[in-house]
Amino acid sequence: MTGNRRWRLWQRPWAPVATALTVIAWGGNQFTPLLLYYREASSLSLVAVNAILSVYVLGLTPALLLSGRATDRFGPRRVLVAAAATAVTGSVLMALGAIDPWFLLVGRFVTGLSVGAGMASATSWIAEISRDPFAPATGTRAGARRTTLALTIGFGVGPAVTAACVQWGPSPQVLPYLLHVAVTVLGLVVLRAAPHPSQSVRPARQAGRAPVAIDRSRFMRVVAPSAPWIFGANGISFAVVPVVVAEAVEPYSLAYSTLLVALTFAAGGAVQPLARRVDDPVRGYATLIALGMVAGGTAVAATAGMASSPALGIAAAVMLGSSYGLNLVSGLQEVDRIAPASHRGLIIGIFYTLSYSGFLLPAALAALAQWFSYPLMLGALVLLAMGCLAAVALSARRR
């Protein structure tokens, strides 16, 4: 009985699109566990490793915006296929980094392009085929949950596989990327089974030139203040927490960092049913709970730094991961209600761009660390998160 139910789940029209999104997200996060390895085994400087890590955002940001427009114009299928093909190219270039580190830099940039294009197009596609005539009993909430689950699995599995390759596999500079190439090619094959989105919602090129209604006020009052905390929570969890408890986990820093990544995304996936229960199109309860969680998780992270406690660091990762999952689902639900079908890709691209701006938090804290302690800076972030929570709550109440 269970096997039949799983098979029926795999036959759902959105499953191939979610699979493609998962393997693309896998590629975006697979580099993280190799940061320490490249510094030690390849003798790359800290500046070089951080440059390779950061160039990903330079590819991601324009790809989110441009692919959003392309999705509205040409439909999400073409954009998602191109994103998956670009992901293969990025991993091949990263594997060639074993020969020359410059390949790592270029490959990481190309990977950013693939993730940006994949997130914008797949999110729009899943939202469309979660509605009539494919799924008359679902809709906005189901599409947002499915997208979040696909991203969460990909972002979590990628670093886990890479860490296993570093620990036990041969050629850790090559093997993780070749595995990703294999699963991405499989994702492209599976994607052929997905229904064309134009069967359910007319693409923008067929929508004519009639004016469209976008609730810009709702976007600015609810979505914009909360979006940066989506990936900002993740950045604090697995980029800042390992730093503040570094002395306590010194012999096992790689294992501890990998554990935090796994716990962050596991919590992000587990909390998604809560988003469905508390979703409110006016009051924004899911968003408010997410902002409260990020404030609480950041406070626990600051306490972990002061006490040098790995256990508190783990607790912070669970809270921050829960905030990520709840905030991403609620944000996608808000965007899906705000954006008309003909402009959904563009609004999704803007939303994800705001979300990824939160990844700048660890770099900003590292730059300020020469003047301020991490617990102090994390305390300031707690106040900032509470301020965003208050602003969203007051805006929703006025509404």
Protein backbone atom coordinates (compact mmCIF):
# COMPACT_ATOMS: atom_id res chain seq x y z
CA MET A 1 0.00 0.00 0.00
CA THR A 2 2.78 2.38 0.92
CA GLY A 3 4.66 1.55 -2.27
CA ASN A 4 1.57 2.26 -4.41
CA ARG A 5 1.10 5.61 -2.67
CA ARG A 6 4.74 6.57 -3.32
CA TRP A 7 4.39 5.61 -6.96
CA ARG A 8 1.26 7.76 -7.29
CA LEU A 9 3.19 10.64 -5.73
CA TRP A 10 5.95 10.24 -8.32
CA GLN A 11 3.32 10.35 -11.08
CA ARG A 12 2.11 13.78 -9.97
CA PRO A 13 2.64 16.36 -12.75
CA TRP A 14 4.79 18.60 -10.56
CA ALA A 15 7.21 15.82 -9.49
CA PRO A 16 9.53 16.00 -12.57
CA VAL A 17 9.84 19.77 -12.22
CA ALA A 18 10.58 19.47 -8.50
CA THR A 19 13.22 16.83 -9.28
CA ALA A 20 14.96 19.14 -11.74
CA LEU A 21 14.89 21.96 -9.18
CA THR A 22 16.34 19.65 -6.52
CA VAL A 23 19.36 18.62 -8.59
CA ILE A 24 20.03 22.25 -9.60
CA ALA A 25 19.91 23.33 -5.95
CA TRP A 26 22.24 20.42 -5.13
CA GLY A 27 24.86 21.97 -7.40
CA GLY A 28 24.50 25.38 -5.77
CA ASN A 29 25.41 24.17 -2.28
CA GLN A 30 27.82 21.29 -2.94
CA PHE A 31 30.87 23.55 -2.72
CA THR A 32 30.34 24.56 0.92
CA PRO A 33 32.00 21.56 2.66
CA LEU A 34 35.05 21.89 0.40
CA LEU A 35 36.00 25.32 1.72
CA LEU A 36 38.29 23.89 4.39
CA TYR A 37 39.61 21.19 2.06
CA TYR A 38 40.66 23.66 -0.64
CA ARG A 39 42.44 25.81 1.93
CA GLU A 40 44.40 22.87 3.32
CA ALA A 41 44.86 20.45 0.43
CA SER A 42 45.16 22.90 -2.47
CA SER A 43 47.04 25.64 -0.59
CA LEU A 44 44.55 28.27 -1.72
CA SER A 45 44.56 31.43 0.37
CA LEU A 46 41.59 32.49 2.47
CA VAL A 47 41.01 35.39 0.05
CA ALA A 48 40.95 33.03 -2.94
CA VAL A 49 38.53 30.60 -1.31
CA ASN A 50 36.17 33.42 -0.28
CA ALA A 51 36.34 34.84 -3.82
CA ILE A 52 35.30 31.46 -5.24
CA LEU A 53 32.47 31.28 -2.73
CA SER A 54 31.24 34.83 -3.36
CA VAL A 55 31.37 34.83 -7.17
CA TYR A 56 28.37 32.50 -7.05
CA VAL A 57 26.16 35.45 -6.02
CA LEU A 58 27.45 37.49 -8.98
CA GLY A 59 25.99 34.89 -11.31
CA LEU A 60 22.90 34.18 -9.25
CA THR A 61 21.49 37.70 -8.90
CA PRO A 62 21.25 38.72 -12.58
CA ALA A 63 20.12 35.20 -13.49
CA LEU A 64 17.17 35.47 -11.10
CA LEU A 65 15.96 38.72 -12.63
CA LEU A 66 16.64 37.91 -16.28
CA SER A 67 15.29 34.38 -16.10
CA GLY A 68 12.14 35.69 -14.42
CA ARG A 69 11.44 37.84 -17.45
CA ALA A 70 12.43 35.00 -19.79
CA THR A 71 10.05 32.65 -17.99
CA ASP A 72 7.16 35.06 -18.49
CA ARG A 73 8.01 35.48 -22.16
CA PHE A 74 9.07 32.02 -23.34
CA GLY A 75 7.56 29.78 -20.69
CA PRO A 76 9.35 28.00 -17.82
CA ARG A 77 10.20 24.76 -19.67
CA ARG A 78 12.83 26.31 -21.93
CA VAL A 79 14.41 28.28 -19.09
CA LEU A 80 14.54 25.29 -16.73
CA VAL A 81 16.12 23.03 -19.37
CA ALA A 82 18.74 25.71 -20.03
CA ALA A 83 19.34 26.03 -16.27
CA ALA A 84 19.92 22.29 -15.88
CA ALA A 85 22.31 22.25 -18.85
CA THR A 86 24.17 25.19 -17.31
CA ALA A 87 24.38 23.30 -14.01
CA VAL A 88 26.13 20.43 -15.81
CA THR A 89 28.60 22.89 -17.33
CA GLY A 90 29.27 24.47 -13.94
CA SER A 91 30.05 21.13 -12.28
CA VAL A 92 32.34 20.07 -15.13
CA LEU A 93 34.27 23.32 -14.75
CA MET A 94 34.47 22.83 -10.97
CA ALA A 95 35.87 19.33 -11.51
CA LEU A 96 38.52 20.82 -13.79
CA GLY A 97 39.52 22.98 -10.82
CA ALA A 98 41.72 20.05 -9.79
CA ILE A 99 43.93 21.10 -12.71
CA ASP A 100 43.74 24.87 -12.38
CA PRO A 101 41.99 26.91 -9.62
CA TRP A 102 40.73 29.37 -12.22
CA PHE A 103 38.25 26.72 -13.32
CA LEU A 104 36.80 26.82 -9.81
CA LEU A 105 36.14 30.54 -10.08
CA VAL A 106 34.47 30.28 -13.50
CA GLY A 107 32.57 27.14 -12.55
CA ARG A 108 31.21 28.71 -9.40
CA PHE A 109 29.97 31.70 -11.40
CA VAL A 110 28.28 29.42 -13.95
CA THR A 111 26.69 27.46 -11.09
CA GLY A 112 25.21 30.72 -9.78
CA LEU A 113 23.68 31.34 -13.20
CA SER A 114 22.12 27.87 -13.22
CA VAL A 115 20.65 28.12 -9.72
CA GLY A 116 19.18 31.58 -10.38
CA ALA A 117 17.55 30.49 -13.64
CA GLY A 118 16.37 27.20 -12.15
CA MET A 119 14.78 28.74 -9.06
CA ALA A 120 12.82 31.38 -10.97
CA SER A 121 11.56 29.08 -13.75
CA ALA A 122 10.83 25.99 -11.63
CA THR A 123 8.98 28.00 -8.97
CA SER A 124 6.73 29.53 -11.62
CA TRP A 125 6.17 26.16 -13.30
CA ILE A 126 5.32 24.31 -10.08
CA ALA A 127 2.91 27.10 -9.10
CA GLU A 128 1.12 26.77 -12.43
CA ILE A 129 0.75 22.99 -12.49
CA SER A 130 -0.39 22.94 -8.86
CA ARG A 131 -3.63 24.51 -10.06
CA ASP A 132 -6.49 23.45 -12.30
CA PRO A 133 -6.78 21.35 -14.35
CA PHE A 134 -3.92 19.35 -12.84
CA ALA A 135 -4.72 19.70 -9.14
CA PRO A 136 -8.13 21.29 -8.51
CA ALA A 137 -7.95 20.72 -4.76
CA THR A 138 -4.64 22.50 -4.28
CA GLY A 139 -3.15 25.77 -5.44
CA THR A 140 -1.10 28.55 -3.93
CA ARG A 141 -0.14 26.80 -0.71
CA ALA A 142 0.65 23.46 -2.35
CA GLY A 143 2.88 25.05 -4.99
CA ALA A 144 4.83 27.00 -2.40
CA ARG A 145 5.34 23.93 -0.18
CA ARG A 146 6.46 21.78 -3.09
CA THR A 147 8.96 24.37 -4.26
CA THR A 148 10.36 24.85 -0.77
CA LEU A 149 10.68 21.11 -0.24
CA ALA A 150 12.52 20.64 -3.54
CA LEU A 151 14.94 23.47 -2.75
CA THR A 152 15.48 22.27 0.81
CA ILE A 153 16.28 18.70 -0.26
CA GLY A 154 18.70 19.92 -2.92
CA PHE A 155 20.47 22.43 -0.69
CA GLY A 156 20.77 19.79 2.05
CA VAL A 157 21.78 16.74 -0.01
CA GLY A 158 24.46 18.58 -1.99
CA PRO A 159 26.80 19.37 0.91
CA ALA A 160 26.05 16.04 2.58
CA VAL A 161 27.21 14.10 -0.48
CA THR A 162 30.26 16.32 -0.85
CA ALA A 163 31.23 15.88 2.79
CA ALA A 164 30.94 12.09 2.42
CA CYS A 165 33.18 12.21 -0.65
CA VAL A 166 35.77 14.28 1.21
CA GLN A 167 35.71 11.93 4.18
CA TRP A 168 35.63 8.54 2.48
CA GLY A 169 35.75 8.85 -1.31
CA PRO A 170 38.62 9.09 -3.78
CA SER A 171 39.47 12.36 -5.56
CA PRO A 172 37.30 14.71 -3.44
CA GLN A 173 38.14 17.56 -5.83
CA VAL A 174 36.47 15.70 -8.70
CA LEU A 175 34.07 12.99 -7.49
CA PRO A 176 31.32 15.25 -5.99
CA TYR A 177 31.04 17.24 -9.20
CA LEU A 178 30.87 14.14 -11.41
CA LEU A 179 28.10 12.74 -9.22
CA HIS A 180 26.20 15.98 -9.63
CA VAL A 181 26.62 15.85 -13.41
CA ALA A 182 25.10 12.36 -13.40
CA VAL A 183 22.04 13.26 -11.31
CA THR A 184 21.46 16.47 -13.30
CA VAL A 185 21.44 14.57 -16.60
CA LEU A 186 18.94 12.19 -14.98
CA GLY A 187 16.87 15.20 -13.91
CA LEU A 188 16.80 16.45 -17.51
CA VAL A 189 15.52 13.06 -18.68
CA VAL A 190 12.82 13.02 -15.99
CA LEU A 191 11.78 16.59 -16.88
CA ARG A 192 10.53 15.41 -20.26
CA ALA A 193 7.52 13.87 -18.48
CA ALA A 194 6.33 17.19 -17.02
CA PRO A 195 3.21 18.74 -18.61
CA HIS A 196 3.66 21.93 -20.54
CA PRO A 197 2.65 24.90 -18.35
CA SER A 198 0.73 26.56 -21.17
CA GLN A 199 -1.88 23.83 -20.72
CA SER A 200 -2.95 25.45 -17.45
CA VAL A 201 -1.95 29.11 -17.58
CA ARG A 202 -1.34 31.24 -20.65
CA PRO A 203 2.27 32.42 -20.93
CA ALA A 204 2.97 36.14 -20.95
CA ARG A 205 3.51 36.20 -24.72
CA GLN A 206 -0.17 35.18 -25.16
CA ALA A 207 -1.55 37.45 -22.45
CA GLY A 208 -1.87 40.54 -24.62
CA ARG A 209 -1.08 44.04 -23.51
CA ALA A 210 -3.83 44.50 -20.97
CA PRO A 211 -2.69 46.18 -17.76
CA VAL A 212 -1.96 43.87 -14.87
CA ALA A 213 -2.65 44.40 -11.17
CA ILE A 214 0.23 43.84 -8.77
CA ASP A 215 -0.24 44.55 -5.08
CA ARG A 216 3.00 46.52 -4.67
CA SER A 217 1.95 47.77 -1.24
CA ARG A 218 1.59 44.24 0.13
CA PHE A 219 4.93 43.27 -1.38
CA MET A 220 6.74 46.21 0.22
CA ARG A 221 5.04 45.89 3.61
CA VAL A 222 5.17 42.12 4.13
CA VAL A 223 7.45 40.39 1.62
CA ALA A 224 10.36 42.85 1.37
CA PRO A 225 11.08 43.13 5.14
CA SER A 226 11.01 39.36 5.66
CA ALA A 227 12.65 38.01 2.48
CA PRO A 228 16.32 38.74 3.35
CA TRP A 229 15.95 36.68 6.53
CA ILE A 230 15.18 33.53 4.52
CA PHE A 231 18.75 32.80 3.44
CA GLY A 232 20.10 35.17 6.08
CA ALA A 233 18.97 32.59 8.67
CA ASN A 234 20.86 29.88 6.78
CA GLY A 235 23.97 32.03 6.57
CA ILE A 236 23.96 32.61 10.32
CA SER A 237 23.38 28.91 10.97
CA PHE A 238 26.16 27.27 8.97
CA ALA A 239 28.56 30.17 8.32
CA VAL A 240 28.52 32.12 11.60
CA VAL A 241 27.72 29.53 14.28
CA PRO A 242 30.81 27.38 13.42
CA VAL A 243 32.94 30.51 13.82
CA VAL A 244 31.60 31.46 17.24
CA VAL A 245 32.12 27.93 18.65
CA ALA A 246 35.30 27.19 16.68
CA GLU A 247 37.53 26.55 19.70
CA ALA A 248 35.12 24.03 21.20
CA VAL A 249 34.90 21.93 18.00
CA GLU A 250 38.47 22.38 16.80
CA PRO A 251 39.30 18.72 15.99
CA TYR A 252 35.94 18.14 14.30
CA SER A 253 35.21 21.47 12.62
CA LEU A 254 34.31 19.95 9.21
CA ALA A 255 31.99 17.36 10.74
CA TYR A 256 30.33 19.98 12.96
CA SER A 257 29.81 22.38 10.05
CA THR A 258 28.29 19.59 7.94
CA LEU A 259 26.01 18.64 10.83
CA LEU A 260 24.76 22.22 11.08
CA VAL A 261 24.01 22.32 7.35
CA ALA A 262 22.08 19.04 7.58
CA LEU A 263 20.12 20.13 10.65
CA THR A 264 19.29 23.52 9.13
CA PHE A 265 17.73 22.06 6.01
CA ALA A 266 16.12 19.13 7.86
CA ALA A 267 14.36 21.61 10.16
CA GLY A 268 13.42 23.71 7.15
CA GLY A 269 11.71 20.73 5.56
CA ALA A 270 10.04 19.47 8.73
CA VAL A 271 8.41 22.81 9.58
CA GLN A 272 6.57 23.21 6.27
CA PRO A 273 3.27 21.64 7.43
CA LEU A 274 3.10 24.46 9.99
CA ALA A 275 3.11 27.01 7.17
CA ARG A 276 -0.01 25.42 5.72
CA ARG A 277 -1.85 25.55 9.03
CA VAL A 278 -1.03 29.14 9.97
CA ASP A 279 -1.15 30.72 6.50
CA ASP A 280 -3.32 33.84 6.47
CA PRO A 281 -3.60 36.04 3.36
CA VAL A 282 -4.24 39.18 5.44
CA ARG A 283 -2.51 38.89 8.82
CA GLY A 284 0.62 37.11 7.60
CA TYR A 285 0.87 34.85 10.63
CA ALA A 286 3.37 32.46 8.99
CA THR A 287 5.71 35.36 8.21
CA LEU A 288 5.44 36.69 11.74
CA ILE A 289 6.26 33.29 13.25
CA ALA A 290 9.24 32.94 10.90
CA LEU A 291 10.63 36.33 11.93
CA GLY A 292 10.15 35.42 15.58
CA MET A 293 12.07 32.18 15.00
CA VAL A 294 14.97 33.93 13.29
CA ALA A 295 15.21 36.41 16.17
CA GLY A 296 15.15 33.59 18.72
CA GLY A 297 17.63 31.45 16.77
CA THR A 298 20.03 34.37 16.40
CA ALA A 299 19.79 35.05 20.14
CA VAL A 300 20.65 31.41 20.85
CA ALA A 301 23.58 31.67 18.42
CA ALA A 302 24.87 34.71 20.32
CA THR A 303 24.57 32.79 23.58
CA ALA A 304 26.42 29.85 22.02
CA GLY A 305 29.27 32.20 21.16
CA MET A 306 29.45 33.64 24.66
CA ALA A 307 29.34 30.18 26.28
CA SER A 308 31.40 28.50 23.54
CA SER A 309 28.73 25.79 23.47
CA PRO A 310 28.39 23.47 20.44
CA ALA A 311 25.09 22.19 21.85
CA LEU A 312 23.59 25.67 21.82
CA GLY A 313 24.95 26.07 18.29
CA ILE A 314 22.97 22.99 17.26
CA ALA A 315 19.84 24.40 18.91
CA ALA A 316 20.36 27.67 17.02
CA ALA A 317 20.70 25.78 13.72
CA VAL A 318 17.38 24.01 14.28
CA MET A 319 15.59 27.27 15.08
CA LEU A 320 17.16 29.14 12.18
CA GLY A 321 16.42 26.28 9.78
CA SER A 322 12.80 26.28 10.92
CA SER A 323 12.65 30.00 10.24
CA TYR A 324 14.09 29.45 6.75
CA GLY A 325 11.50 26.82 5.82
CA LEU A 326 8.52 28.71 7.21
CA ASN A 327 9.63 32.06 5.78
CA LEU A 328 10.28 30.64 2.30
CA VAL A 329 6.89 28.93 2.10
CA SER A 330 5.02 31.98 3.38
CA GLY A 331 6.97 34.30 1.08
CA LEU A 332 6.21 32.19 -2.00
CA GLN A 333 2.55 32.09 -0.99
CA GLU A 334 2.47 35.87 -0.69
CA VAL A 335 4.15 36.28 -4.09
CA ASP A 336 1.77 33.83 -5.73
CA ARG A 337 -1.22 35.78 -4.43
CA ILE A 338 0.27 39.13 -5.43
CA ALA A 339 1.60 38.37 -8.91
CA PRO A 340 -0.61 37.80 -11.97
CA ALA A 341 0.22 34.76 -14.11
CA SER A 342 1.70 36.87 -16.91
CA HIS A 343 4.27 38.47 -14.55
CA ARG A 344 4.79 35.69 -12.04
CA GLY A 345 8.31 34.84 -13.19
CA LEU A 346 9.52 38.43 -12.81
CA ILE A 347 8.04 38.86 -9.30
CA ILE A 348 9.47 35.50 -8.23
CA GLY A 349 12.89 36.61 -9.50
CA ILE A 350 12.70 39.82 -7.47
CA PHE A 351 11.60 37.86 -4.40
CA TYR A 352 14.51 35.42 -4.65
CA THR A 353 16.95 38.28 -5.23
CA LEU A 354 15.83 39.89 -1.98
CA SER A 355 16.01 36.51 -0.26
CA TYR A 356 19.58 35.84 -1.34
CA SER A 357 20.71 39.25 -0.14
CA GLY A 358 20.66 37.67 3.32
CA PHE A 359 23.70 35.59 2.34
CA LEU A 360 25.72 38.80 2.63
CA LEU A 361 25.27 38.71 6.42
CA PRO A 362 28.18 36.32 7.19
CA ALA A 363 30.56 38.36 5.00
CA ALA A 364 29.42 41.61 6.61
CA LEU A 365 29.89 40.19 10.10
CA ALA A 366 33.35 38.87 9.18
CA ALA A 367 34.34 42.34 7.94
CA LEU A 368 33.11 43.96 11.17
CA ALA A 369 34.67 41.34 13.43
CA GLN A 370 37.87 43.36 13.79
CA TRP A 371 35.90 45.99 15.67
CA PHE A 372 33.01 44.10 17.29
CA SER A 373 32.57 40.67 18.83
CA TYR A 374 30.27 38.14 17.18
CA PRO A 375 27.88 37.91 20.16
CA LEU A 376 27.47 41.69 20.07
CA MET A 377 26.79 41.73 16.32
CA LEU A 378 24.38 38.83 16.61
CA GLY A 379 22.57 40.72 19.35
CA ALA A 380 22.19 43.66 16.97
CA LEU A 381 20.71 41.30 14.37
CA VAL A 382 18.19 40.09 16.95
CA LEU A 383 17.00 43.68 17.40
CA LEU A 384 16.85 44.17 13.63
CA ALA A 385 14.78 41.00 13.17
CA MET A 386 12.40 42.10 15.92
CA GLY A 387 12.06 45.47 14.20
CA CYS A 388 11.10 43.75 10.94
CA LEU A 389 8.61 41.58 12.84
CA ALA A 390 7.00 44.66 14.39
CA ALA A 391 6.81 46.44 11.03
CA VAL A 392 5.13 43.47 9.33
CA ALA A 393 2.71 42.99 12.25
CA LEU A 394 1.66 46.65 12.25
CA SER A 395 1.26 46.72 8.46
CA ALA A 396 -0.91 43.59 8.49
CA ARG A 397 -3.01 45.01 11.32
CA ARG A 398 -3.64 48.23 9.40
CA ARG A 399 -4.65 46.17 6.44
